[in-house]
Amino acid sequence: MKEQEVYSELASIRNLMERSSKFISLSGFSGVLAGLYALVGSFMAYDILYPGGWAGGFVAPVIAGEPDLLMLIALGIVVLSLSLATGIWLTIRQALKRGESYWNPVSRRLLVNMSAPLLAGALLSVLMLWNVNYGMIVSVWLIFYGLSLFVAGEFSISDVRWLGVCEIVLGLIAACWPLLGLLFFALGFGLLHVLYGLIMHFKYKQ
Protein backbone atom coordinates (compact mmCIF):
# COMPACT_ATOMS: atom_id res chain seq x y z
CA MET A 1 0.00 0.00 0.00
CA LYS A 2 2.81 2.38 0.91
CA GLU A 3 4.60 1.61 -2.35
CA GLN A 4 1.48 2.55 -4.32
CA GLU A 5 1.24 5.82 -2.39
CA VAL A 6 4.87 6.61 -3.22
CA TYR A 7 4.26 6.00 -6.93
CA SER A 8 1.15 8.17 -6.75
CA GLU A 9 3.12 10.95 -5.07
CA LEU A 10 5.86 10.73 -7.70
CA ALA A 11 3.29 10.84 -10.51
CA SER A 12 1.69 13.93 -8.98
CA ILE A 13 5.05 15.67 -8.64
CA ARG A 14 5.97 14.80 -12.22
CA ASN A 15 2.63 16.13 -13.45
CA LEU A 16 3.08 19.39 -11.56
CA MET A 17 6.62 19.84 -12.91
CA GLU A 18 5.44 19.19 -16.45
CA ARG A 19 2.61 21.69 -16.15
CA SER A 20 5.00 24.34 -14.81
CA SER A 21 7.53 23.93 -17.65
CA LYS A 22 5.42 22.81 -20.62
CA PHE A 23 2.33 24.23 -22.27
CA ILE A 24 0.30 21.10 -23.00
CA SER A 25 -3.20 22.52 -23.49
CA LEU A 26 -3.01 22.13 -27.26
CA SER A 27 -5.96 21.00 -29.34
CA GLY A 28 -5.43 18.31 -31.95
CA PHE A 29 -8.72 19.28 -33.56
CA SER A 30 -7.33 22.76 -34.28
CA GLY A 31 -4.51 21.15 -36.25
CA VAL A 32 -7.01 19.15 -38.30
CA LEU A 33 -9.07 22.25 -39.05
CA ALA A 34 -5.99 24.32 -39.93
CA GLY A 35 -4.94 21.59 -42.34
CA LEU A 36 -8.39 21.53 -43.94
CA TYR A 37 -8.34 25.31 -44.32
CA ALA A 38 -4.97 25.06 -46.06
CA LEU A 39 -6.17 22.30 -48.38
CA VAL A 40 -9.26 24.28 -49.39
CA GLY A 41 -7.08 27.36 -49.86
CA SER A 42 -4.71 25.34 -52.05
CA PHE A 43 -7.55 24.28 -54.35
CA MET A 44 -8.75 27.87 -54.60
CA ALA A 45 -5.22 29.12 -55.29
CA TYR A 46 -4.84 26.51 -58.02
CA ASP A 47 -7.86 27.93 -59.82
CA ILE A 48 -6.28 31.40 -59.62
CA LEU A 49 -2.81 30.34 -60.76
CA TYR A 50 -3.82 27.79 -63.38
CA PRO A 51 -7.01 28.97 -65.10
CA GLY A 52 -6.58 26.10 -67.59
CA GLY A 53 -7.77 23.66 -64.94
CA TRP A 54 -6.37 20.34 -63.79
CA ALA A 55 -5.54 19.28 -67.35
CA GLY A 56 -2.76 21.87 -67.36
CA GLY A 57 -0.98 20.22 -64.45
CA PHE A 58 1.30 22.23 -62.16
CA VAL A 59 3.94 23.33 -64.68
CA ALA A 60 2.62 26.75 -65.67
CA PRO A 61 3.47 30.42 -65.06
CA VAL A 62 3.59 30.99 -61.31
CA ILE A 63 1.87 34.37 -61.39
CA ALA A 64 -0.16 35.56 -64.36
CA GLY A 65 -0.38 39.21 -63.30
CA GLU A 66 -0.83 41.67 -60.46
CA PRO A 67 -4.58 41.02 -59.90
CA ASP A 68 -3.80 37.33 -59.38
CA LEU A 69 -1.14 38.22 -56.83
CA LEU A 70 -3.56 40.39 -54.88
CA MET A 71 -6.14 37.60 -54.89
CA LEU A 72 -3.54 35.13 -53.61
CA ILE A 73 -2.48 37.48 -50.83
CA ALA A 74 -6.12 37.99 -49.80
CA LEU A 75 -6.71 34.23 -49.86
CA GLY A 76 -3.60 33.65 -47.75
CA ILE A 77 -4.74 36.22 -45.17
CA VAL A 78 -8.15 34.54 -44.92
CA VAL A 79 -6.62 31.06 -44.45
CA LEU A 80 -4.12 32.36 -41.87
CA SER A 81 -6.81 34.29 -39.96
CA LEU A 82 -9.12 31.28 -39.82
CA SER A 83 -6.29 29.02 -38.65
CA LEU A 84 -5.17 31.43 -35.93
CA ALA A 85 -8.70 32.14 -34.70
CA THR A 86 -9.56 28.44 -34.57
CA GLY A 87 -6.29 27.51 -32.87
CA ILE A 88 -6.60 30.23 -30.22
CA TRP A 89 -10.25 29.45 -29.50
CA LEU A 90 -9.77 25.67 -29.21
CA THR A 91 -6.57 26.06 -27.16
CA ILE A 92 -8.32 28.36 -24.68
CA ARG A 93 -11.23 25.94 -24.47
CA GLN A 94 -8.86 23.02 -23.92
CA ALA A 95 -6.98 24.88 -21.17
CA LEU A 96 -10.21 25.81 -19.37
CA LYS A 97 -11.40 22.23 -19.68
CA ARG A 98 -8.20 21.02 -18.00
CA GLY A 99 -8.51 23.68 -15.31
CA GLU A 100 -5.33 25.42 -16.45
CA SER A 101 -4.45 28.99 -17.32
CA TYR A 102 -4.02 29.58 -21.04
CA TRP A 103 -2.00 32.77 -20.45
CA ASN A 104 0.90 32.01 -18.13
CA PRO A 105 4.71 32.39 -18.13
CA VAL A 106 5.15 29.18 -20.16
CA SER A 107 2.66 30.16 -22.89
CA ARG A 108 4.24 33.63 -23.07
CA ARG A 109 7.71 32.13 -23.53
CA LEU A 110 6.30 29.80 -26.15
CA LEU A 111 4.84 32.69 -28.18
CA VAL A 112 7.93 34.88 -27.83
CA ASN A 113 10.28 32.13 -28.99
CA MET A 114 8.02 31.14 -31.88
CA SER A 115 7.68 34.72 -33.07
CA ALA A 116 11.37 35.21 -33.98
CA PRO A 117 11.58 32.69 -36.88
CA LEU A 118 8.00 33.51 -37.97
CA LEU A 119 8.81 37.22 -38.17
CA ALA A 120 12.05 36.53 -40.03
CA GLY A 121 10.23 34.32 -42.53
CA ALA A 122 7.49 36.93 -43.02
CA LEU A 123 10.01 39.71 -43.68
CA LEU A 124 11.96 37.52 -46.11
CA SER A 125 8.71 36.70 -47.93
CA VAL A 126 7.91 40.41 -48.29
CA LEU A 127 11.38 41.04 -49.72
CA MET A 128 10.93 38.17 -52.19
CA LEU A 129 7.58 39.58 -53.28
CA TRP A 130 9.15 43.01 -53.65
CA ASN A 131 11.85 41.56 -55.90
CA VAL A 132 9.34 39.47 -57.89
CA ASN A 133 10.89 36.21 -56.69
CA TYR A 134 7.82 34.04 -56.19
CA GLY A 135 9.15 30.53 -56.79
CA MET A 136 10.84 30.03 -53.40
CA ILE A 137 8.25 31.67 -51.16
CA VAL A 138 6.50 28.43 -50.18
CA SER A 139 9.86 26.87 -49.34
CA VAL A 140 10.68 29.84 -47.09
CA TRP A 141 7.30 29.56 -45.37
CA LEU A 142 7.73 25.85 -44.67
CA ILE A 143 11.31 26.18 -43.40
CA PHE A 144 10.74 29.14 -41.09
CA TYR A 145 7.43 27.76 -39.84
CA GLY A 146 9.20 24.47 -39.14
CA LEU A 147 11.90 26.33 -37.22
CA SER A 148 9.28 28.06 -35.09
CA LEU A 149 7.64 24.71 -34.30
CA PHE A 150 11.01 23.16 -33.47
CA VAL A 151 11.64 25.95 -30.96
CA ALA A 152 8.09 25.62 -29.62
CA GLY A 153 8.74 21.95 -28.87
CA GLU A 154 11.00 23.09 -26.03
CA PHE A 155 7.97 24.58 -24.26
CA SER A 156 5.32 22.07 -25.33
CA ILE A 157 4.92 18.39 -26.17
CA SER A 158 7.63 16.71 -28.25
CA ASP A 159 5.24 16.00 -31.14
CA VAL A 160 5.33 19.72 -32.00
CA ARG A 161 9.08 19.50 -32.53
CA TRP A 162 8.71 16.50 -34.85
CA LEU A 163 6.12 18.37 -36.88
CA GLY A 164 8.65 21.19 -37.17
CA VAL A 165 11.32 18.80 -38.45
CA CYS A 166 8.91 17.46 -41.09
CA GLU A 167 8.05 21.00 -42.21
CA ILE A 168 11.74 21.94 -42.51
CA VAL A 169 12.57 18.83 -44.55
CA LEU A 170 9.58 19.41 -46.81
CA GLY A 171 10.60 23.05 -47.25
CA LEU A 172 14.11 22.03 -48.32
CA ILE A 173 12.65 19.55 -50.81
CA ALA A 174 10.28 22.24 -52.10
CA ALA A 175 13.27 24.47 -52.81
CA CYS A 176 14.39 21.91 -55.42
CA TRP A 177 11.08 22.18 -57.33
CA PRO A 178 9.89 25.81 -57.04
CA LEU A 179 7.22 25.33 -59.73
CA LEU A 180 5.54 22.79 -57.46
CA GLY A 181 5.25 25.27 -54.59
CA LEU A 182 1.48 25.01 -54.38
CA LEU A 183 1.66 21.23 -54.11
CA PHE A 184 4.20 21.47 -51.27
CA PHE A 185 2.02 24.10 -49.58
CA ALA A 186 -0.88 21.64 -49.60
CA LEU A 187 1.36 18.87 -48.24
CA GLY A 188 3.06 20.93 -45.54
CA PHE A 189 0.31 23.19 -44.25
CA GLY A 190 -2.54 20.89 -45.20
CA LEU A 191 -1.80 17.19 -45.01
CA LEU A 192 0.88 17.36 -42.30
CA HIS A 193 -1.39 19.45 -40.08
CA VAL A 194 -4.27 17.02 -40.49
CA LEU A 195 -2.03 14.05 -39.61
CA TYR A 196 -0.52 15.91 -36.66
CA GLY A 197 -3.96 16.89 -35.37
CA LEU A 198 -5.23 13.32 -35.58
CA ILE A 199 -2.15 12.00 -33.76
CA MET A 200 -2.62 14.64 -31.05
CA HIS A 201 -6.29 13.79 -30.69
CA PHE A 202 -5.87 10.02 -30.34
CA LYS A 203 -2.58 10.08 -28.44
CA TYR A 204 -3.43 12.72 -25.85
CA LYS A 205 -7.25 12.67 -26.12
CA GLN A 206 -7.37 16.40 -26.83
C-alpha atoms as a PDB file:
ATOM      1  CA  MET A   1       0.000   0.000   0.000  1.00  0.00           C
ATOM      2  CA  LYS A   2       2.814   2.382   0.913  1.00  0.00           C
ATOM      3  CA  GLU A   3       4.604   1.606  -2.346  1.00  0.00           C
ATOM      4  CA  GLN A   4       1.484   2.554  -4.325  1.00  0.00           C
ATOM      5  CA  GLU A   5       1.242   5.818  -2.389  1.00  0.00           C
ATOM      6  CA  VAL A   6       4.872   6.610  -3.218  1.00  0.00           C
ATOM      7  CA  TYR A   7       4.256   6.000  -6.929  1.00  0.00           C
ATOM      8  CA  SER A   8       1.149   8.167  -6.751  1.00  0.00           C
ATOM      9  CA  GLU A   9       3.117  10.950  -5.066  1.00  0.00           C
ATOM     10  CA  LEU A  10       5.862  10.732  -7.705  1.00  0.00           C
ATOM     11  CA  ALA A  11       3.290  10.835 -10.511  1.00  0.00           C
ATOM     12  CA  SER A  12       1.693  13.926  -8.975  1.00  0.00           C
ATOM     13  CA  ILE A  13       5.051  15.665  -8.635  1.00  0.00           C
ATOM     14  CA  ARG A  14       5.966  14.803 -12.218  1.00  0.00           C
ATOM     15  CA  ASN A  15       2.629  16.130 -13.453  1.00  0.00           C
ATOM     16  CA  LEU A  16       3.075  19.393 -11.560  1.00  0.00           C
ATOM     17  CA  MET A  17       6.623  19.837 -12.912  1.00  0.00           C
ATOM     18  CA  GLU A  18       5.443  19.190 -16.450  1.00  0.00           C
ATOM     19  CA  ARG A  19       2.612  21.693 -16.147  1.00  0.00           C
ATOM     20  CA  SER A  20       5.001  24.344 -14.806  1.00  0.00           C
ATOM     21  CA  SER A  21       7.531  23.928 -17.645  1.00  0.00           C
ATOM     22  CA  LYS A  22       5.417  22.809 -20.617  1.00  0.00           C
ATOM     23  CA  PHE A  23       2.327  24.227 -22.265  1.00  0.00           C
ATOM     24  CA  ILE A  24       0.304  21.101 -22.997  1.00  0.00           C
ATOM     25  CA  SER A  25      -3.200  22.521 -23.491  1.00  0.00           C
ATOM     26  CA  LEU A  26      -3.009  22.131 -27.265  1.00  0.00           C
ATOM     27  CA  SER A  27      -5.961  20.998 -29.336  1.00  0.00           C
ATOM     28  CA  GLY A  28      -5.429  18.308 -31.950  1.00  0.00           C
ATOM     29  CA  PHE A  29      -8.721  19.285 -33.557  1.00  0.00           C
ATOM     30  CA  SER A  30      -7.328  22.764 -34.278  1.00  0.00           C
ATOM     31  CA  GLY A  31      -4.505  21.146 -36.248  1.00  0.00           C
ATOM     32  CA  VAL A  32      -7.009  19.149 -38.296  1.00  0.00           C
ATOM     33  CA  LEU A  33      -9.068  22.248 -39.054  1.00  0.00           C
ATOM     34  CA  ALA A  34      -5.991  24.322 -39.932  1.00  0.00           C
ATOM     35  CA  GLY A  35      -4.942  21.592 -42.344  1.00  0.00           C
ATOM     36  CA  LEU A  36      -8.388  21.525 -43.936  1.00  0.00           C
ATOM     37  CA  TYR A  37      -8.339  25.314 -44.318  1.00  0.00           C
ATOM     38  CA  ALA A  38      -4.967  25.059 -46.060  1.00  0.00           C
ATOM     39  CA  LEU A  39      -6.169  22.303 -48.385  1.00  0.00           C
ATOM     40  CA  VAL A  40      -9.264  24.280 -49.386  1.00  0.00           C
ATOM     41  CA  GLY A  41      -7.076  27.363 -49.857  1.00  0.00           C
ATOM     42  CA  SER A  42      -4.708  25.338 -52.054  1.00  0.00           C
ATOM     43  CA  PHE A  43      -7.549  24.276 -54.348  1.00  0.00           C
ATOM     44  CA  MET A  44      -8.752  27.866 -54.603  1.00  0.00           C
ATOM     45  CA  ALA A  45      -5.222  29.125 -55.290  1.00  0.00           C
ATOM     46  CA  TYR A  46      -4.837  26.510 -58.019  1.00  0.00           C
ATOM     47  CA  ASP A  47      -7.859  27.930 -59.818  1.00  0.00           C
ATOM     48  CA  ILE A  48      -6.277  31.396 -59.615  1.00  0.00           C
ATOM     49  CA  LEU A  49      -2.814  30.339 -60.759  1.00  0.00           C
ATOM     50  CA  TYR A  50      -3.818  27.792 -63.380  1.00  0.00           C
ATOM     51  CA  PRO A  51      -7.009  28.967 -65.098  1.00  0.00           C
ATOM     52  CA  GLY A  52      -6.576  26.099 -67.588  1.00  0.00           C
ATOM     53  CA  GLY A  53      -7.766  23.661 -64.941  1.00  0.00           C
ATOM     54  CA  TRP A  54      -6.366  20.343 -63.791  1.00  0.00           C
ATOM     55  CA  ALA A  55      -5.535  19.279 -67.350  1.00  0.00           C
ATOM     56  CA  GLY A  56      -2.757  21.870 -67.365  1.00  0.00           C
ATOM     57  CA  GLY A  57      -0.975  20.217 -64.451  1.00  0.00           C
ATOM     58  CA  PHE A  58       1.301  22.227 -62.163  1.00  0.00           C
ATOM     59  CA  VAL A  59       3.939  23.327 -64.680  1.00  0.00           C
ATOM     60  CA  ALA A  60       2.625  26.749 -65.668  1.00  0.00           C
ATOM     61  CA  PRO A  61       3.473  30.416 -65.055  1.00  0.00           C
ATOM     62  CA  VAL A  62       3.591  30.991 -61.313  1.00  0.00           C
ATOM     63  CA  ILE A  63       1.873  34.366 -61.392  1.00  0.00           C
ATOM     64  CA  ALA A  64      -0.162  35.562 -64.360  1.00  0.00           C
ATOM     65  CA  GLY A  65      -0.383  39.207 -63.298  1.00  0.00           C
ATOM     66  CA  GLU A  66      -0.827  41.672 -60.458  1.00  0.00           C
ATOM     67  CA  PRO A  67      -4.577  41.016 -59.904  1.00  0.00           C
ATOM     68  CA  ASP A  68      -3.802  37.325 -59.378  1.00  0.00           C
ATOM     69  CA  LEU A  69      -1.139  38.218 -56.826  1.00  0.00           C
ATOM     70  CA  LEU A  70      -3.561  40.390 -54.884  1.00  0.00           C
ATOM     71  CA  MET A  71      -6.136  37.595 -54.889  1.00  0.00           C
ATOM     72  CA  LEU A  72      -3.544  35.130 -53.605  1.00  0.00           C
ATOM     73  CA  ILE A  73      -2.485  37.483 -50.825  1.00  0.00           C
ATOM     74  CA  ALA A  74      -6.124  37.993 -49.798  1.00  0.00           C
ATOM     75  CA  LEU A  75      -6.708  34.232 -49.860  1.00  0.00           C
ATOM     76  CA  GLY A  76      -3.599  33.652 -47.748  1.00  0.00           C
ATOM     77  CA  ILE A  77      -4.741  36.223 -45.174  1.00  0.00           C
ATOM     78  CA  VAL A  78      -8.148  34.538 -44.915  1.00  0.00           C
ATOM     79  CA  VAL A  79      -6.618  31.059 -44.448  1.00  0.00           C
ATOM     80  CA  LEU A  80      -4.123  32.356 -41.872  1.00  0.00           C
ATOM     81  CA  SER A  81      -6.807  34.286 -39.964  1.00  0.00           C
ATOM     82  CA  LEU A  82      -9.124  31.281 -39.820  1.00  0.00           C
ATOM     83  CA  SER A  83      -6.295  29.020 -38.651  1.00  0.00           C
ATOM     84  CA  LEU A  84      -5.165  31.433 -35.929  1.00  0.00           C
ATOM     85  CA  ALA A  85      -8.698  32.145 -34.698  1.00  0.00           C
ATOM     86  CA  THR A  86      -9.560  28.439 -34.574  1.00  0.00           C
ATOM     87  CA  GLY A  87      -6.285  27.515 -32.874  1.00  0.00           C
ATOM     88  CA  ILE A  88      -6.600  30.227 -30.218  1.00  0.00           C
ATOM     89  CA  TRP A  89     -10.252  29.445 -29.496  1.00  0.00           C
ATOM     90  CA  LEU A  90      -9.767  25.672 -29.206  1.00  0.00           C
ATOM     91  CA  THR A  91      -6.569  26.060 -27.162  1.00  0.00           C
ATOM     92  CA  ILE A  92      -8.320  28.359 -24.678  1.00  0.00           C
ATOM     93  CA  ARG A  93     -11.234  25.939 -24.472  1.00  0.00           C
ATOM     94  CA  GLN A  94      -8.857  23.018 -23.921  1.00  0.00           C
ATOM     95  CA  ALA A  95      -6.984  24.879 -21.169  1.00  0.00           C
ATOM     96  CA  LEU A  96     -10.207  25.806 -19.370  1.00  0.00           C
ATOM     97  CA  LYS A  97     -11.404  22.228 -19.682  1.00  0.00           C
ATOM     98  CA  ARG A  98      -8.196  21.019 -17.998  1.00  0.00           C
ATOM     99  CA  GLY A  99      -8.507  23.677 -15.305  1.00  0.00           C
ATOM    100  CA  GLU A 100      -5.330  25.421 -16.453  1.00  0.00           C
ATOM    101  CA  SER A 101      -4.451  28.991 -17.316  1.00  0.00           C
ATOM    102  CA  TYR A 102      -4.021  29.582 -21.044  1.00  0.00           C
ATOM    103  CA  TRP A 103      -2.000  32.767 -20.448  1.00  0.00           C
ATOM    104  CA  ASN A 104       0.905  32.013 -18.129  1.00  0.00           C
ATOM    105  CA  PRO A 105       4.711  32.393 -18.132  1.00  0.00           C
ATOM    106  CA  VAL A 106       5.152  29.181 -20.160  1.00  0.00           C
ATOM    107  CA  SER A 107       2.659  30.157 -22.888  1.00  0.00           C
ATOM    108  CA  ARG A 108       4.243  33.625 -23.072  1.00  0.00           C
ATOM    109  CA  ARG A 109       7.712  32.133 -23.526  1.00  0.00           C
ATOM    110  CA  LEU A 110       6.296  29.797 -26.151  1.00  0.00           C
ATOM    111  CA  LEU A 111       4.840  32.686 -28.177  1.00  0.00           C
ATOM    112  CA  VAL A 112       7.925  34.878 -27.831  1.00  0.00           C
ATOM    113  CA  ASN A 113      10.284  32.130 -28.989  1.00  0.00           C
ATOM    114  CA  MET A 114       8.019  31.136 -31.877  1.00  0.00           C
ATOM    115  CA  SER A 115       7.680  34.719 -33.073  1.00  0.00           C
ATOM    116  CA  ALA A 116      11.367  35.214 -33.977  1.00  0.00           C
ATOM    117  CA  PRO A 117      11.578  32.689 -36.876  1.00  0.00           C
ATOM    118  CA  LEU A 118       8.004  33.508 -37.966  1.00  0.00           C
ATOM    119  CA  LEU A 119       8.814  37.220 -38.166  1.00  0.00           C
ATOM    120  CA  ALA A 120      12.054  36.533 -40.032  1.00  0.00           C
ATOM    121  CA  GLY A 121      10.230  34.320 -42.534  1.00  0.00           C
ATOM    122  CA  ALA A 122       7.490  36.927 -43.021  1.00  0.00           C
ATOM    123  CA  LEU A 123      10.013  39.705 -43.683  1.00  0.00           C
ATOM    124  CA  LEU A 124      11.959  37.518 -46.108  1.00  0.00           C
ATOM    125  CA  SER A 125       8.705  36.697 -47.934  1.00  0.00           C
ATOM    126  CA  VAL A 126       7.906  40.413 -48.294  1.00  0.00           C
ATOM    127  CA  LEU A 127      11.376  41.035 -49.725  1.00  0.00           C
ATOM    128  CA  MET A 128      10.928  38.175 -52.191  1.00  0.00           C
ATOM    129  CA  LEU A 129       7.575  39.577 -53.285  1.00  0.00           C
ATOM    130  CA  TRP A 130       9.150  43.013 -53.654  1.00  0.00           C
ATOM    131  CA  ASN A 131      11.847  41.559 -55.902  1.00  0.00           C
ATOM    132  CA  VAL A 132       9.340  39.471 -57.893  1.00  0.00           C
ATOM    133  CA  ASN A 133      10.887  36.210 -56.690  1.00  0.00           C
ATOM    134  CA  TYR A 134       7.824  34.041 -56.188  1.00  0.00           C
ATOM    135  CA  GLY A 135       9.149  30.531 -56.787  1.00  0.00           C
ATOM    136  CA  MET A 136      10.844  30.033 -53.402  1.00  0.00           C
ATOM    137  CA  ILE A 137       8.252  31.667 -51.160  1.00  0.00           C
ATOM    138  CA  VAL A 138       6.502  28.426 -50.176  1.00  0.00           C
ATOM    139  CA  SER A 139       9.864  26.870 -49.338  1.00  0.00           C
ATOM    140  CA  VAL A 140      10.679  29.839 -47.090  1.00  0.00           C
ATOM    141  CA  TRP A 141       7.299  29.564 -45.369  1.00  0.00           C
ATOM    142  CA  LEU A 142       7.735  25.854 -44.673  1.00  0.00           C
ATOM    143  CA  ILE A 143      11.314  26.182 -43.400  1.00  0.00           C
ATOM    144  CA  PHE A 144      10.743  29.145 -41.088  1.00  0.00           C
ATOM    145  CA  TYR A 145       7.435  27.756 -39.842  1.00  0.00           C
ATOM    146  CA  GLY A 146       9.197  24.474 -39.144  1.00  0.00           C
ATOM    147  CA  LEU A 147      11.902  26.328 -37.223  1.00  0.00           C
ATOM    148  CA  SER A 148       9.282  28.062 -35.094  1.00  0.00           C
ATOM    149  CA  LEU A 149       7.641  24.711 -34.295  1.00  0.00           C
ATOM    150  CA  PHE A 150      11.015  23.159 -33.471  1.00  0.00           C
ATOM    151  CA  VAL A 151      11.637  25.949 -30.964  1.00  0.00           C
ATOM    152  CA  ALA A 152       8.089  25.617 -29.616  1.00  0.00           C
ATOM    153  CA  GLY A 153       8.743  21.954 -28.870  1.00  0.00           C
ATOM    154  CA  GLU A 154      11.003  23.093 -26.032  1.00  0.00           C
ATOM    155  CA  PHE A 155       7.972  24.576 -24.263  1.00  0.00           C
ATOM    156  CA  SER A 156       5.317  22.075 -25.329  1.00  0.00           C
ATOM    157  CA  ILE A 157       4.917  18.389 -26.173  1.00  0.00           C
ATOM    158  CA  SER A 158       7.629  16.707 -28.253  1.00  0.00           C
ATOM    159  CA  ASP A 159       5.238  16.004 -31.144  1.00  0.00           C
ATOM    160  CA  VAL A 160       5.328  19.720 -32.002  1.00  0.00           C
ATOM    161  CA  ARG A 161       9.081  19.498 -32.530  1.00  0.00           C
ATOM    162  CA  TRP A 162       8.708  16.500 -34.847  1.00  0.00           C
ATOM    163  CA  LEU A 163       6.119  18.368 -36.877  1.00  0.00           C
ATOM    164  CA  GLY A 164       8.648  21.189 -37.169  1.00  0.00           C
ATOM    165  CA  VAL A 165      11.316  18.796 -38.451  1.00  0.00           C
ATOM    166  CA  CYS A 166       8.907  17.459 -41.088  1.00  0.00           C
ATOM    167  CA  GLU A 167       8.049  20.995 -42.208  1.00  0.00           C
ATOM    168  CA  ILE A 168      11.737  21.938 -42.508  1.00  0.00           C
ATOM    169  CA  VAL A 169      12.572  18.830 -44.547  1.00  0.00           C
ATOM    170  CA  LEU A 170       9.576  19.406 -46.807  1.00  0.00           C
ATOM    171  CA  GLY A 171      10.604  23.046 -47.252  1.00  0.00           C
ATOM    172  CA  LEU A 172      14.109  22.026 -48.324  1.00  0.00           C
ATOM    173  CA  ILE A 173      12.647  19.548 -50.810  1.00  0.00           C
ATOM    174  CA  ALA A 174      10.276  22.241 -52.096  1.00  0.00           C
ATOM    175  CA  ALA A 175      13.270  24.471 -52.810  1.00  0.00           C
ATOM    176  CA  CYS A 176      14.388  21.909 -55.421  1.00  0.00           C
ATOM    177  CA  TRP A 177      11.082  22.180 -57.327  1.00  0.00           C
ATOM    178  CA  PRO A 178       9.894  25.812 -57.042  1.00  0.00           C
ATOM    179  CA  LEU A 179       7.222  25.329 -59.732  1.00  0.00           C
ATOM    180  CA  LEU A 180       5.541  22.790 -57.461  1.00  0.00           C
ATOM    181  CA  GLY A 181       5.253  25.268 -54.590  1.00  0.00           C
ATOM    182  CA  LEU A 182       1.476  25.005 -54.384  1.00  0.00           C
ATOM    183  CA  LEU A 183       1.660  21.226 -54.111  1.00  0.00           C
ATOM    184  CA  PHE A 184       4.202  21.466 -51.275  1.00  0.00           C
ATOM    185  CA  PHE A 185       2.024  24.099 -49.582  1.00  0.00           C
ATOM    186  CA  ALA A 186      -0.878  21.639 -49.595  1.00  0.00           C
ATOM    187  CA  LEU A 187       1.359  18.873 -48.238  1.00  0.00           C
ATOM    188  CA  GLY A 188       3.062  20.934 -45.537  1.00  0.00           C
ATOM    189  CA  PHE A 189       0.314  23.185 -44.251  1.00  0.00           C
ATOM    190  CA  GLY A 190      -2.545  20.886 -45.203  1.00  0.00           C
ATOM    191  CA  LEU A 191      -1.801  17.187 -45.009  1.00  0.00           C
ATOM    192  CA  LEU A 192       0.885  17.358 -42.297  1.00  0.00           C
ATOM    193  CA  HIS A 193      -1.392  19.450 -40.076  1.00  0.00           C
ATOM    194  CA  VAL A 194      -4.269  17.017 -40.489  1.00  0.00           C
ATOM    195  CA  LEU A 195      -2.029  14.054 -39.608  1.00  0.00           C
ATOM    196  CA  TYR A 196      -0.515  15.909 -36.660  1.00  0.00           C
ATOM    197  CA  GLY A 197      -3.959  16.885 -35.366  1.00  0.00           C
ATOM    198  CA  LEU A 198      -5.234  13.317 -35.578  1.00  0.00           C
ATOM    199  CA  ILE A 199      -2.146  11.997 -33.759  1.00  0.00           C
ATOM    200  CA  MET A 200      -2.618  14.636 -31.049  1.00  0.00           C
ATOM    201  CA  HIS A 201      -6.290  13.786 -30.687  1.00  0.00           C
ATOM    202  CA  PHE A 202      -5.869  10.023 -30.344  1.00  0.00           C
ATOM    203  CA  LYS A 203      -2.576  10.075 -28.439  1.00  0.00           C
ATOM    204  CA  TYR A 204      -3.430  12.717 -25.853  1.00  0.00           C
ATOM    205  CA  LYS A 205      -7.253  12.667 -26.122  1.00  0.00           C
ATOM    206  CA  GLN A 206      -7.368  16.401 -26.832  1.00  0.00           C
END
